[in-house]
């Protein structure tokens, strides 16, 4: 698995660097993953998050992504790995213990 960069979470960075491909993405504070999600359209979903009123997401400063047709399975694997490395905790903006997105 190879992430595509680490970008400032801003519309111009999304537009310049992200395609409409399916994939998985992470939203991050400076050194902390706050959300792991998957989508059929990376560019559209990241822009939706950027313009959402959700206070948890508002704290995100960076994003990175991975293009894959198997985005749900990949997201679930990443969430399991995150929990293994963080004493069972989910990222701050994902529902605790739930592998489904809070932004369905």
PDB file of N, CA and C in Angstrom:
ATOM      1  N   UNK A   1       0.849  -1.172   0.000  1.00  0.00           N
ATOM      2  CA  UNK A   1       0.000   0.000   0.000  1.00  0.00           C
ATOM      3  C   UNK A   1       0.897   1.237   0.000  1.00  0.00           C
ATOM      4  N   UNK A   2       0.633   2.122  -0.915  1.00  0.00           N
ATOM      5  CA  UNK A   2       1.471   3.310  -1.014  1.00  0.00           C
ATOM      6  C   UNK A   2       0.604   4.568  -1.080  1.00  0.00           C
ATOM      7  N   UNK A   3       0.688   5.396  -0.037  1.00  0.00           N
ATOM      8  CA  UNK A   3      -0.082   6.638   0.015  1.00  0.00           C
ATOM      9  C   UNK A   3       0.426   7.615  -1.031  1.00  0.00           C
ATOM     10  N   UNK A   4      -0.483   8.404  -1.562  1.00  0.00           N
ATOM     11  CA  UNK A   4      -0.119   9.475  -2.489  1.00  0.00           C
ATOM     12  C   UNK A   4       0.051  10.746  -1.678  1.00  0.00           C
ATOM     13  N   UNK A   5       1.273  11.080  -1.378  1.00  0.00           N
ATOM     14  CA  UNK A   5       1.613  12.329  -0.729  1.00  0.00           C
ATOM     15  C   UNK A   5       0.967  12.586   0.616  1.00  0.00           C
ATOM     16  N   UNK A   6       1.243  13.757   1.120  1.00  0.00           N
ATOM     17  CA  UNK A   6       0.609  14.311   2.317  1.00  0.00           C
ATOM     18  C   UNK A   6       0.423  15.777   1.987  1.00  0.00           C
ATOM     19  N   UNK A   7      -0.814  16.212   1.890  1.00  0.00           N
ATOM     20  CA  UNK A   7      -1.141  17.535   1.388  1.00  0.00           C
ATOM     21  C   UNK A   7      -1.869  18.364   2.442  1.00  0.00           C
ATOM     22  N   UNK A   8      -1.719  19.661   2.355  1.00  0.00           N
ATOM     23  CA  UNK A   8      -2.506  20.572   3.180  1.00  0.00           C
ATOM     24  C   UNK A   8      -3.969  20.373   2.795  1.00  0.00           C
ATOM     25  N   UNK A   9      -4.839  20.290   3.791  1.00  0.00           N
ATOM     26  CA  UNK A   9      -6.265  20.048   3.562  1.00  0.00           C
ATOM     27  C   UNK A   9      -6.920  21.350   3.115  1.00  0.00           C
ATOM     28  N   UNK A  10      -6.800  21.633   1.807  1.00  0.00           N
ATOM     29  CA  UNK A  10      -7.324  22.858   1.210  1.00  0.00           C
ATOM     30  C   UNK A  10      -7.842  22.535  -0.187  1.00  0.00           C
ATOM     31  N   UNK A  11      -8.823  23.295  -0.641  1.00  0.00           N
ATOM     32  CA  UNK A  11      -9.476  23.016  -1.917  1.00  0.00           C
ATOM     33  C   UNK A  11      -8.501  22.998  -3.093  1.00  0.00           C
ATOM     34  N   UNK A  12      -7.582  23.951  -3.143  1.00  0.00           N
ATOM     35  CA  UNK A  12      -6.645  23.963  -4.272  1.00  0.00           C
ATOM     36  C   UNK A  12      -5.755  22.725  -4.286  1.00  0.00           C
ATOM     37  N   UNK A  13      -5.392  22.209  -3.116  1.00  0.00           N
ATOM     38  CA  UNK A  13      -4.566  20.988  -3.047  1.00  0.00           C
ATOM     39  C   UNK A  13      -5.362  19.765  -3.482  1.00  0.00           C
ATOM     40  N   UNK A  14      -6.633  19.733  -3.111  1.00  0.00           N
ATOM     41  CA  UNK A  14      -7.500  18.634  -3.533  1.00  0.00           C
ATOM     42  C   UNK A  14      -7.657  18.677  -5.048  1.00  0.00           C
ATOM     43  N   UNK A  15      -7.983  19.849  -5.587  1.00  0.00           N
ATOM     44  CA  UNK A  15      -8.215  19.990  -7.029  1.00  0.00           C
ATOM     45  C   UNK A  15      -6.970  19.647  -7.849  1.00  0.00           C
ATOM     46  N   UNK A  16      -5.800  20.043  -7.388  1.00  0.00           N
ATOM     47  CA  UNK A  16      -4.560  19.829  -8.136  1.00  0.00           C
ATOM     48  C   UNK A  16      -4.021  18.410  -8.039  1.00  0.00           C
ATOM     49  N   UNK A  17      -4.302  17.720  -6.942  1.00  0.00           N
ATOM     50  CA  UNK A  17      -3.623  16.456  -6.672  1.00  0.00           C
ATOM     51  C   UNK A  17      -4.498  15.209  -6.661  1.00  0.00           C
ATOM     52  N   UNK A  18      -5.802  15.365  -6.586  1.00  0.00           N
ATOM     53  CA  UNK A  18      -6.670  14.207  -6.371  1.00  0.00           C
ATOM     54  C   UNK A  18      -7.616  14.019  -7.558  1.00  0.00           C
ATOM     55  N   UNK A  19      -7.749  12.789  -7.996  1.00  0.00           N
ATOM     56  CA  UNK A  19      -8.668  12.465  -9.089  1.00  0.00           C
ATOM     57  C   UNK A  19     -10.034  12.043  -8.534  1.00  0.00           C
ATOM     58  N   UNK A  20     -10.935  11.743  -9.420  1.00  0.00           N
ATOM     59  CA  UNK A  20     -12.269  11.271  -9.032  1.00  0.00           C
ATOM     60  C   UNK A  20     -12.296   9.754  -8.857  1.00  0.00           C
ATOM     61  N   UNK A  21     -11.148   9.128  -8.736  1.00  0.00           N
ATOM     62  CA  UNK A  21     -11.045   7.678  -8.589  1.00  0.00           C
ATOM     63  C   UNK A  21     -11.573   7.212  -7.237  1.00  0.00           C
ATOM     64  N   UNK A  22     -11.958   5.932  -7.148  1.00  0.00           N
ATOM     65  CA  UNK A  22     -12.304   5.380  -5.837  1.00  0.00           C
ATOM     66  C   UNK A  22     -11.037   5.205  -5.005  1.00  0.00           C
ATOM     67  N   UNK A  23     -11.203   5.262  -3.688  1.00  0.00           N
ATOM     68  CA  UNK A  23     -10.038   5.067  -2.843  1.00  0.00           C
ATOM     69  C   UNK A  23     -10.295   5.270  -1.376  1.00  0.00           C
ATOM     70  N   UNK A  24      -9.207   5.346  -0.640  1.00  0.00           N
ATOM     71  CA  UNK A  24      -9.195   5.507   0.808  1.00  0.00           C
ATOM     72  C   UNK A  24      -8.419   6.778   1.111  1.00  0.00           C
ATOM     73  N   UNK A  25      -8.794   7.455   2.188  1.00  0.00           N
ATOM     74  CA  UNK A  25      -8.099   8.681   2.558  1.00  0.00           C
ATOM     75  C   UNK A  25      -8.011   8.804   4.069  1.00  0.00           C
ATOM     76  N   UNK A  26      -7.048   9.583   4.517  1.00  0.00           N
ATOM     77  CA  UNK A  26      -6.881   9.912   5.929  1.00  0.00           C
ATOM     78  C   UNK A  26      -6.881  11.412   6.064  1.00  0.00           C
ATOM     79  N   UNK A  27      -7.554  11.887   7.091  1.00  0.00           N
ATOM     80  CA  UNK A  27      -7.486  13.295   7.464  1.00  0.00           C
ATOM     81  C   UNK A  27      -6.660  13.352   8.736  1.00  0.00           C
ATOM     82  N   UNK A  28      -5.759  14.330   8.822  1.00  0.00           N
ATOM     83  CA  UNK A  28      -4.806  14.370   9.920  1.00  0.00           C
ATOM     84  C   UNK A  28      -4.695  15.763  10.525  1.00  0.00           C
ATOM     85  N   UNK A  29      -4.446  15.768  11.831  1.00  0.00           N
ATOM     86  CA  UNK A  29      -3.944  16.971  12.480  1.00  0.00           C
ATOM     87  C   UNK A  29      -2.445  16.923  12.249  1.00  0.00           C
ATOM     88  N   UNK A  30      -1.678  17.713  12.924  1.00  0.00           N
ATOM     89  CA  UNK A  30      -0.247  17.765  12.650  1.00  0.00           C
ATOM     90  C   UNK A  30       0.410  16.379  12.703  1.00  0.00           C
ATOM     91  N   UNK A  31       0.238  15.645  13.770  1.00  0.00           N
ATOM     92  CA  UNK A  31       0.858  14.322  13.878  1.00  0.00           C
ATOM     93  C   UNK A  31      -0.130  13.233  14.278  1.00  0.00           C
ATOM     94  N   UNK A  32      -1.396  13.435  13.992  1.00  0.00           N
ATOM     95  CA  UNK A  32      -2.418  12.499  14.448  1.00  0.00           C
ATOM     96  C   UNK A  32      -3.481  12.278  13.372  1.00  0.00           C
ATOM     97  N   UNK A  33      -3.762  11.016  13.081  1.00  0.00           N
ATOM     98  CA  UNK A  33      -4.845  10.677  12.167  1.00  0.00           C
ATOM     99  C   UNK A  33      -6.155  10.906  12.909  1.00  0.00           C
ATOM    100  N   UNK A  34      -7.064  11.699  12.328  1.00  0.00           N
ATOM    101  CA  UNK A  34      -8.355  11.950  12.974  1.00  0.00           C
ATOM    102  C   UNK A  34      -9.508  11.253  12.261  1.00  0.00           C
ATOM    103  N   UNK A  35      -9.285  10.830  11.012  1.00  0.00           N
ATOM    104  CA  UNK A  35     -10.367  10.172  10.283  1.00  0.00           C
ATOM    105  C   UNK A  35      -9.796   9.301   9.176  1.00  0.00           C
ATOM    106  N   UNK A  36     -10.364   8.118   9.013  1.00  0.00           N
ATOM    107  CA  UNK A  36     -10.056   7.225   7.897  1.00  0.00           C
ATOM    108  C   UNK A  36     -11.364   6.955   7.189  1.00  0.00           C
ATOM    109  N   UNK A  37     -11.400   7.190   5.887  1.00  0.00           N
ATOM    110  CA  UNK A  37     -12.634   6.995   5.129  1.00  0.00           C
ATOM    111  C   UNK A  37     -12.368   6.369   3.779  1.00  0.00           C
ATOM    112  N   UNK A  38     -13.450   5.973   3.119  1.00  0.00           N
ATOM    113  CA  UNK A  38     -13.355   5.418   1.772  1.00  0.00           C
ATOM    114  C   UNK A  38     -14.492   5.977   0.939  1.00  0.00           C
ATOM    115  N   UNK A  39     -14.310   5.956  -0.379  1.00  0.00           N
ATOM    116  CA  UNK A  39     -15.276   6.574  -1.257  1.00  0.00           C
ATOM    117  C   UNK A  39     -15.145   6.073  -2.684  1.00  0.00           C
ATOM    118  N   UNK A  40     -16.183   6.275  -3.456  1.00  0.00           N
ATOM    119  CA  UNK A  40     -16.148   6.004  -4.892  1.00  0.00           C
ATOM    120  C   UNK A  40     -15.475   7.142  -5.648  1.00  0.00           C
ATOM    121  N   UNK A  41     -15.424   8.344  -5.056  1.00  0.00           N
ATOM    122  CA  UNK A  41     -14.842   9.515  -5.708  1.00  0.00           C
ATOM    123  C   UNK A  41     -14.032  10.330  -4.705  1.00  0.00           C
ATOM    124  N   UNK A  42     -12.735  10.153  -4.725  1.00  0.00           N
ATOM    125  CA  UNK A  42     -11.858  10.814  -3.751  1.00  0.00           C
ATOM    126  C   UNK A  42     -11.993  12.336  -3.772  1.00  0.00           C
ATOM    127  N   UNK A  43     -11.897  12.942  -4.948  1.00  0.00           N
ATOM    128  CA  UNK A  43     -11.927  14.398  -5.019  1.00  0.00           C
ATOM    129  C   UNK A  43     -13.241  14.954  -4.468  1.00  0.00           C
ATOM    130  N   UNK A  44     -14.351  14.384  -4.890  1.00  0.00           N
ATOM    131  CA  UNK A  44     -15.661  14.857  -4.428  1.00  0.00           C
ATOM    132  C   UNK A  44     -15.798  14.701  -2.918  1.00  0.00           C
ATOM    133  N   UNK A  45     -15.415  13.551  -2.380  1.00  0.00           N
ATOM    134  CA  UNK A  45     -15.590  13.298  -0.945  1.00  0.00           C
ATOM    135  C   UNK A  45     -14.706  14.202  -0.101  1.00  0.00           C
ATOM    136  N   UNK A  46     -13.474  14.392  -0.519  1.00  0.00           N
ATOM    137  CA  UNK A  46     -12.581  15.273   0.237  1.00  0.00           C
ATOM    138  C   UNK A  46     -13.103  16.707   0.238  1.00  0.00           C
ATOM    139  N   UNK A  47     -13.643  17.157  -0.888  1.00  0.00           N
ATOM    140  CA  UNK A  47     -14.214  18.503  -0.938  1.00  0.00           C
ATOM    141  C   UNK A  47     -15.437  18.605  -0.027  1.00  0.00           C
ATOM    142  N   UNK A  48     -16.249  17.549   0.025  1.00  0.00           N
ATOM    143  CA  UNK A  48     -17.412  17.547   0.930  1.00  0.00           C
ATOM    144  C   UNK A  48     -16.955  17.680   2.382  1.00  0.00           C
ATOM    145  N   UNK A  49     -15.933  16.940   2.756  1.00  0.00           N
ATOM    146  CA  UNK A  49     -15.404  17.050   4.119  1.00  0.00           C
ATOM    147  C   UNK A  49     -14.885  18.462   4.393  1.00  0.00           C
ATOM    148  N   UNK A  50     -14.178  19.014   3.435  1.00  0.00           N
ATOM    149  CA  UNK A  50     -13.595  20.341   3.603  1.00  0.00           C
ATOM    150  C   UNK A  50     -14.667  21.390   3.879  1.00  0.00           C
ATOM    151  N   UNK A  51     -15.817  21.257   3.231  1.00  0.00           N
ATOM    152  CA  UNK A  51     -16.890  22.243   3.367  1.00  0.00           C
ATOM    153  C   UNK A  51     -17.965  21.848   4.375  1.00  0.00           C
ATOM    154  N   UNK A  52     -17.765  20.730   5.060  1.00  0.00           N
ATOM    155  CA  UNK A  52     -18.755  20.297   6.047  1.00  0.00           C
ATOM    156  C   UNK A  52     -18.655  21.180   7.289  1.00  0.00           C
ATOM    157  N   UNK A  53     -19.706  21.229   8.033  1.00  0.00           N
ATOM    158  CA  UNK A  53     -19.709  21.995   9.270  1.00  0.00           C
ATOM    159  C   UNK A  53     -19.264  21.179  10.470  1.00  0.00           C
ATOM    160  N   UNK A  54     -18.847  19.945  10.242  1.00  0.00           N
ATOM    161  CA  UNK A  54     -18.466  19.065  11.337  1.00  0.00           C
ATOM    162  C   UNK A  54     -17.225  19.595  12.050  1.00  0.00           C
ATOM    163  N   UNK A  55     -17.354  19.841  13.332  1.00  0.00           N
ATOM    164  CA  UNK A  55     -16.260  20.426  14.116  1.00  0.00           C
ATOM    165  C   UNK A  55     -15.047  19.499  14.220  1.00  0.00           C
ATOM    166  N   UNK A  56     -15.278  18.218  14.243  1.00  0.00           N
ATOM    167  CA  UNK A  56     -14.172  17.272  14.329  1.00  0.00           C
ATOM    168  C   UNK A  56     -13.301  17.367  13.068  1.00  0.00           C
ATOM    169  N   UNK A  57     -13.938  17.388  11.924  1.00  0.00           N
ATOM    170  CA  UNK A  57     -13.220  17.474  10.650  1.00  0.00           C
ATOM    171  C   UNK A  57     -12.549  18.833  10.488  1.00  0.00           C
ATOM    172  N   UNK A  58     -13.149  19.874  11.040  1.00  0.00           N
ATOM    173  CA  UNK A  58     -12.566  21.223  10.942  1.00  0.00           C
ATOM    174  C   UNK A  58     -11.146  21.262  11.503  1.00  0.00           C
ATOM    175  N   UNK A  59     -10.814  20.347  12.404  1.00  0.00           N
ATOM    176  CA  UNK A  59      -9.483  20.302  12.989  1.00  0.00           C
ATOM    177  C   UNK A  59      -8.429  19.663  12.096  1.00  0.00           C
ATOM    178  N   UNK A  60      -8.855  19.057  10.992  1.00  0.00           N
ATOM    179  CA  UNK A  60      -7.904  18.414  10.088  1.00  0.00           C
ATOM    180  C   UNK A  60      -7.081  19.459   9.344  1.00  0.00           C
ATOM    181  N   UNK A  61      -5.790  19.219   9.261  1.00  0.00           N
ATOM    182  CA  UNK A  61      -4.888  20.147   8.575  1.00  0.00           C
ATOM    183  C   UNK A  61      -4.273  19.530   7.319  1.00  0.00           C
ATOM    184  N   UNK A  62      -4.249  18.205   7.261  1.00  0.00           N
ATOM    185  CA  UNK A  62      -3.615  17.502   6.149  1.00  0.00           C
ATOM    186  C   UNK A  62      -4.473  16.323   5.713  1.00  0.00           C
ATOM    187  N   UNK A  63      -4.205  15.838   4.500  1.00  0.00           N
ATOM    188  CA  UNK A  63      -4.823  14.606   4.024  1.00  0.00           C
ATOM    189  C   UNK A  63      -3.816  13.849   3.183  1.00  0.00           C
ATOM    190  N   UNK A  64      -4.053  12.566   3.073  1.00  0.00           N
ATOM    191  CA  UNK A  64      -3.340  11.732   2.121  1.00  0.00           C
ATOM    192  C   UNK A  64      -4.319  10.690   1.631  1.00  0.00           C
ATOM    193  N   UNK A  65      -4.017  10.075   0.505  1.00  0.00           N
ATOM    194  CA  UNK A  65      -4.980   9.152  -0.077  1.00  0.00           C
ATOM    195  C   UNK A  65      -4.301   8.023  -0.829  1.00  0.00           C
ATOM    196  N   UNK A  66      -5.112   7.033  -1.140  1.00  0.00           N
ATOM    197  CA  UNK A  66      -4.676   5.849  -1.857  1.00  0.00           C
ATOM    198  C   UNK A  66      -5.789   5.478  -2.828  1.00  0.00           C
ATOM    199  N   UNK A  67      -5.482   5.402  -4.107  1.00  0.00           N
ATOM    200  CA  UNK A  67      -6.480   4.985  -5.086  1.00  0.00           C
ATOM    201  C   UNK A  67      -6.575   3.468  -5.087  1.00  0.00           C
ATOM    202  N   UNK A  68      -7.798   2.955  -4.955  1.00  0.00           N
ATOM    203  CA  UNK A  68      -8.024   1.508  -4.995  1.00  0.00           C
ATOM    204  C   UNK A  68      -9.496   1.221  -5.263  1.00  0.00           C
ATOM    205  N   UNK A  69      -9.742   0.201  -6.053  1.00  0.00           N
ATOM    206  CA  UNK A  69     -11.119  -0.245  -6.298  1.00  0.00           C
ATOM    207  C   UNK A  69     -11.675  -0.953  -5.064  1.00  0.00           C
ATOM    208  N   UNK A  70     -10.799  -1.449  -4.226  1.00  0.00           N
ATOM    209  CA  UNK A  70     -11.193  -2.194  -3.029  1.00  0.00           C
ATOM    210  C   UNK A  70     -11.179  -1.272  -1.812  1.00  0.00           C
ATOM    211  N   UNK A  71     -11.804  -0.117  -1.947  1.00  0.00           N
ATOM    212  CA  UNK A  71     -11.695   0.918  -0.919  1.00  0.00           C
ATOM    213  C   UNK A  71     -12.321   0.541   0.411  1.00  0.00           C
ATOM    214  N   UNK A  72     -13.451  -0.136   0.423  1.00  0.00           N
ATOM    215  CA  UNK A  72     -14.072  -0.518   1.707  1.00  0.00           C
ATOM    216  C   UNK A  72     -13.196  -1.503   2.471  1.00  0.00           C
ATOM    217  N   UNK A  73     -12.704  -2.516   1.764  1.00  0.00           N
ATOM    218  CA  UNK A  73     -11.849  -3.514   2.408  1.00  0.00           C
ATOM    219  C   UNK A  73     -10.557  -2.866   2.912  1.00  0.00           C
ATOM    220  N   UNK A  74      -9.999  -1.987   2.108  1.00  0.00           N
ATOM    221  CA  UNK A  74      -8.761  -1.302   2.491  1.00  0.00           C
ATOM    222  C   UNK A  74      -8.987  -0.419   3.707  1.00  0.00           C
ATOM    223  N   UNK A  75     -10.114   0.306   3.715  1.00  0.00           N
ATOM    224  CA  UNK A  75     -10.437   1.148   4.875  1.00  0.00           C
ATOM    225  C   UNK A  75     -10.552   0.300   6.134  1.00  0.00           C
ATOM    226  N   UNK A  76     -11.256  -0.810   6.044  1.00  0.00           N
ATOM    227  CA  UNK A  76     -11.415  -1.679   7.206  1.00  0.00           C
ATOM    228  C   UNK A  76     -10.082  -2.198   7.708  1.00  0.00           C
ATOM    229  N   UNK A  77      -9.185  -2.559   6.801  1.00  0.00           N
ATOM    230  CA  UNK A  77      -7.846  -3.010   7.174  1.00  0.00           C
ATOM    231  C   UNK A  77      -7.079  -1.892   7.880  1.00  0.00           C
ATOM    232  N   UNK A  78      -7.156  -0.674   7.338  1.00  0.00           N
ATOM    233  CA  UNK A  78      -6.470   0.468   7.950  1.00  0.00           C
ATOM    234  C   UNK A  78      -7.033   0.791   9.334  1.00  0.00           C
ATOM    235  N   UNK A  79      -8.341   0.695   9.492  1.00  0.00           N
ATOM    236  CA  UNK A  79      -8.951   0.935  10.805  1.00  0.00           C
ATOM    237  C   UNK A  79      -8.506  -0.119  11.807  1.00  0.00           C
ATOM    238  N   UNK A  80      -8.473  -1.382  11.384  1.00  0.00           N
ATOM    239  CA  UNK A  80      -8.011  -2.447  12.280  1.00  0.00           C
ATOM    240  C   UNK A  80      -6.561  -2.222  12.690  1.00  0.00           C
ATOM    241  N   UNK A  81      -5.727  -1.848  11.729  1.00  0.00           N
ATOM    242  CA  UNK A  81      -4.324  -1.573  12.020  1.00  0.00           C
ATOM    243  C   UNK A  81      -4.185  -0.381  12.978  1.00  0.00           C
ATOM    244  N   UNK A  82      -4.964   0.666  12.734  1.00  0.00           N
ATOM    245  CA  UNK A  82      -4.931   1.837  13.610  1.00  0.00           C
ATOM    246  C   UNK A  82      -5.297   1.435  15.034  1.00  0.00           C
ATOM    247  N   UNK A  83      -6.367   0.660  15.185  1.00  0.00           N
ATOM    248  CA  UNK A  83      -6.812   0.223  16.518  1.00  0.00           C
ATOM    249  C   UNK A  83      -5.761  -0.636  17.205  1.00  0.00           C
ATOM    250  N   UNK A  84      -5.127  -1.522  16.445  1.00  0.00           N
ATOM    251  CA  UNK A  84      -4.062  -2.360  17.011  1.00  0.00           C
ATOM    252  C   UNK A  84      -2.930  -1.501  17.571  1.00  0.00           C
ATOM    253  N   UNK A  85      -2.618  -0.431  16.879  1.00  0.00           N
ATOM    254  CA  UNK A  85      -1.506   0.436  17.288  1.00  0.00           C
ATOM    255  C   UNK A  85      -1.908   1.510  18.296  1.00  0.00           C
ATOM    256  N   UNK A  86      -3.205   1.616  18.610  1.00  0.00           N
ATOM    257  CA  UNK A  86      -3.689   2.675  19.495  1.00  0.00           C
ATOM    258  C   UNK A  86      -4.622   2.148  20.576  1.00  0.00           C
ATOM    259  N   UNK A  87      -4.262   0.986  21.135  1.00  0.00           N
ATOM    260  CA  UNK A  87      -4.988   0.396  22.264  1.00  0.00           C
ATOM    261  C   UNK A  87      -6.487   0.254  22.031  1.00  0.00           C
ATOM    262  N   UNK A  88      -6.860  -0.104  20.811  1.00  0.00           N
ATOM    263  CA  UNK A  88      -8.265  -0.343  20.502  1.00  0.00           C
ATOM    264  C   UNK A  88      -9.071   0.889  20.151  1.00  0.00           C
ATOM    265  N   UNK A  89      -8.450   2.057  20.236  1.00  0.00           N
ATOM    266  CA  UNK A  89      -9.150   3.307  19.912  1.00  0.00           C
ATOM    267  C   UNK A  89      -9.261   3.488  18.403  1.00  0.00           C
ATOM    268  N   UNK A  90     -10.377   4.084  17.984  1.00  0.00           N
ATOM    269  CA  UNK A  90     -10.552   4.496  16.587  1.00  0.00           C
ATOM    270  C   UNK A  90     -10.051   5.922  16.436  1.00  0.00           C
ATOM    271  N   UNK A  91      -9.790   6.370  15.216  1.00  0.00           N
ATOM    272  CA  UNK A  91      -9.464   7.784  15.030  1.00  0.00           C
ATOM    273  C   UNK A  91     -10.573   8.665  15.602  1.00  0.00           C
ATOM    274  N   UNK A  92     -10.192   9.815  16.091  1.00  0.00           N
ATOM    275  CA  UNK A  92     -11.094  10.744  16.786  1.00  0.00           C
ATOM    276  C   UNK A  92     -12.424  11.001  16.070  1.00  0.00           C
ATOM    277  N   UNK A  93     -12.417  11.115  14.756  1.00  0.00           N
ATOM    278  CA  UNK A  93     -13.634  11.474  14.017  1.00  0.00           C
ATOM    279  C   UNK A  93     -14.364  10.271  13.434  1.00  0.00           C
ATOM    280  N   UNK A  94     -13.845   9.057  13.628  1.00  0.00           N
ATOM    281  CA  UNK A  94     -14.574   7.847  13.269  1.00  0.00           C
ATOM    282  C   UNK A  94     -15.356   7.417  14.499  1.00  0.00           C
ATOM    283  N   UNK A  95     -16.482   6.785  14.301  1.00  0.00           N
ATOM    284  CA  UNK A  95     -17.227   6.262  15.443  1.00  0.00           C
ATOM    285  C   UNK A  95     -16.368   5.248  16.165  1.00  0.00           C
ATOM    286  N   UNK A  96     -16.309   5.337  17.468  1.00  0.00           N
ATOM    287  CA  UNK A  96     -15.519   4.393  18.254  1.00  0.00           C
ATOM    288  C   UNK A  96     -15.995   2.972  18.066  1.00  0.00           C
ATOM    289  N   UNK A  97     -15.079   2.096  17.637  1.00  0.00           N
ATOM    290  CA  UNK A  97     -15.394   0.683  17.486  1.00  0.00           C
ATOM    291  C   UNK A  97     -16.218   0.342  16.271  1.00  0.00           C
ATOM    292  N   UNK A  98     -16.686   1.323  15.528  1.00  0.00           N
ATOM    293  CA  UNK A  98     -17.511   1.074  14.353  1.00  0.00           C
ATOM    294  C   UNK A  98     -16.679   1.316  13.115  1.00  0.00           C
ATOM    295  N   UNK A  99     -16.672   0.366  12.218  1.00  0.00           N
ATOM    296  CA  UNK A  99     -15.879   0.515  10.998  1.00  0.00           C
ATOM    297  C   UNK A  99     -16.593   1.344   9.941  1.00  0.00           C
ATOM    298  N   UNK A 100     -17.826   1.708  10.161  1.00  0.00           N
ATOM    299  CA  UNK A 100     -18.550   2.535   9.191  1.00  0.00           C
ATOM    300  C   UNK A 100     -18.266   3.995   9.470  1.00  0.00           C
ATOM    301  N   UNK A 101     -18.314   4.763   8.440  1.00  0.00           N
ATOM    302  CA  UNK A 101     -18.058   6.198   8.528  1.00  0.00           C
ATOM    303  C   UNK A 101     -19.184   6.910   9.249  1.00  0.00           C
ATOM    304  N   UNK A 102     -18.859   7.995   9.959  1.00  0.00           N
ATOM    305  CA  UNK A 102     -19.892   8.814  10.563  1.00  0.00           C
ATOM    306  C   UNK A 102     -20.449   9.807   9.555  1.00  0.00           C
ATOM    307  N   UNK A 103     -19.896   9.796   8.351  1.00  0.00           N
ATOM    308  CA  UNK A 103     -20.306  10.761   7.315  1.00  0.00           C
ATOM    309  C   UNK A 103     -20.966  10.043   6.149  1.00  0.00           C
ATOM    310  N   UNK A 104     -21.839   9.087   6.431  1.00  0.00           N
ATOM    311  CA  UNK A 104     -22.495   8.318   5.371  1.00  0.00           C
ATOM    312  C   UNK A 104     -23.527   9.181   4.680  1.00  0.00           C
TER     313      UNK A 104
END
